[in-house]
């Protein structure tokens, strides 16, 4: 081996950083598991309304639904909450954090 060569091989394609991130288990927000309000309510033994209130101001949650309903009725919104947000909120409300 020549000077400065450590014996480690590299593909030289510039993807070493991306490969190390993927190897560490970090996922992009779009590919991680998303929970429904009902799933979190069941896991934490809470009511759905309580879970909605806990997550309503959290960033990174998906809110699906019509924000401007055409009628005077209640607007329905569906929440999808990424696993990383669930873990963050659980830690925030934990007694031992």
Protein backbone atom coordinates (compact mmCIF):
# COMPACT_ATOMS: atom_id res chain seq x y z
CA UNK A 1 0.00 0.00 0.00
CA UNK A 2 1.11 3.52 -0.72
CA UNK A 3 1.59 6.38 1.71
CA UNK A 4 -1.56 7.50 3.53
CA UNK A 5 -3.48 4.32 2.64
CA UNK A 6 -5.09 2.77 5.69
CA UNK A 7 -6.36 -0.44 4.18
CA UNK A 8 -10.01 0.67 4.12
CA UNK A 9 -11.71 0.50 0.78
CA UNK A 10 -14.09 3.08 -0.58
CA UNK A 11 -16.28 3.00 -3.62
CA UNK A 12 -15.33 6.62 -4.27
CA UNK A 13 -18.83 7.45 -5.46
CA UNK A 14 -19.49 10.08 -2.77
CA UNK A 15 -22.21 8.06 -1.03
CA UNK A 16 -20.21 7.13 2.06
CA UNK A 17 -22.10 9.62 4.25
CA UNK A 18 -25.51 8.49 3.00
CA UNK A 19 -24.51 4.86 3.45
CA UNK A 20 -23.41 5.51 7.04
CA UNK A 21 -26.67 7.32 7.83
CA UNK A 22 -28.73 4.44 6.46
CA UNK A 23 -26.57 1.93 8.31
CA UNK A 24 -27.15 3.77 11.60
CA UNK A 25 -30.89 3.14 11.32
CA UNK A 26 -31.97 6.71 10.67
CA UNK A 27 -35.02 6.89 8.42
CA UNK A 28 -36.45 9.73 6.44
CA UNK A 29 -39.73 11.04 7.89
CA UNK A 30 -41.67 9.84 4.86
CA UNK A 31 -40.50 6.25 5.25
CA UNK A 32 -40.98 5.83 8.99
CA UNK A 33 -44.12 4.28 10.45
CA UNK A 34 -47.07 6.63 10.89
CA UNK A 35 -49.68 6.00 13.60
CA UNK A 36 -53.35 6.93 13.72
CA UNK A 37 -54.88 8.69 16.69
CA UNK A 38 -56.81 5.50 17.54
CA UNK A 39 -53.59 3.42 17.56
CA UNK A 40 -51.83 5.81 19.94
CA UNK A 41 -54.93 6.05 22.14
CA UNK A 42 -55.01 2.25 22.43
CA UNK A 43 -51.25 2.00 23.12
CA UNK A 44 -51.34 4.67 25.82
CA UNK A 45 -54.81 3.81 27.20
CA UNK A 46 -56.11 7.33 26.54
CA UNK A 47 -59.11 8.78 24.77
CA UNK A 48 -58.87 9.85 21.13
CA UNK A 49 -59.68 13.46 21.98
CA UNK A 50 -56.87 13.53 24.53
CA UNK A 51 -54.40 12.19 21.98
CA UNK A 52 -55.57 14.78 19.40
CA UNK A 53 -54.96 17.58 21.92
CA UNK A 54 -51.51 16.21 22.79
CA UNK A 55 -50.40 16.22 19.15
CA UNK A 56 -52.31 19.23 17.75
CA UNK A 57 -49.39 21.67 18.02
CA UNK A 58 -46.60 19.22 17.18
CA UNK A 59 -44.62 19.80 13.98
CA UNK A 60 -44.13 17.05 11.39
CA UNK A 61 -47.57 15.43 11.72
CA UNK A 62 -49.69 14.92 8.62
CA UNK A 63 -53.11 16.57 8.68
CA UNK A 64 -55.43 15.30 5.96
CA UNK A 65 -58.82 16.82 5.31
CA UNK A 66 -60.68 19.85 4.09
CA UNK A 67 -59.51 22.97 5.91
CA UNK A 68 -62.35 25.04 4.41
CA UNK A 69 -65.57 23.04 4.63
CA UNK A 70 -68.26 24.22 2.23
CA UNK A 71 -71.05 23.76 4.74
CA UNK A 72 -71.49 24.88 8.31
CA UNK A 73 -70.76 21.37 9.56
CA UNK A 74 -67.74 20.24 11.50
CA UNK A 75 -64.62 19.79 9.40
CA UNK A 76 -63.08 16.34 9.66
CA UNK A 77 -59.33 15.99 9.75
CA UNK A 78 -57.29 12.81 9.77
CA UNK A 79 -53.96 12.83 11.60
CA UNK A 80 -51.01 10.60 10.79
CA UNK A 81 -48.23 10.82 13.33
CA UNK A 82 -44.66 9.67 12.57
CA UNK A 83 -43.02 7.31 15.04
CA UNK A 84 -40.30 9.86 15.89
CA UNK A 85 -42.99 12.38 16.92
CA UNK A 86 -44.77 9.74 19.03
CA UNK A 87 -41.50 9.02 20.84
CA UNK A 88 -40.76 12.75 21.31
CA UNK A 89 -44.22 13.48 22.77
CA UNK A 90 -44.06 10.40 25.02
CA UNK A 91 -40.74 11.63 26.38
CA UNK A 92 -42.18 15.13 26.85
CA UNK A 93 -45.07 13.82 28.94
CA UNK A 94 -43.01 11.22 30.79
CA UNK A 95 -42.56 11.64 34.55
CA UNK A 96 -38.93 10.58 34.39
CA UNK A 97 -37.71 12.71 31.48
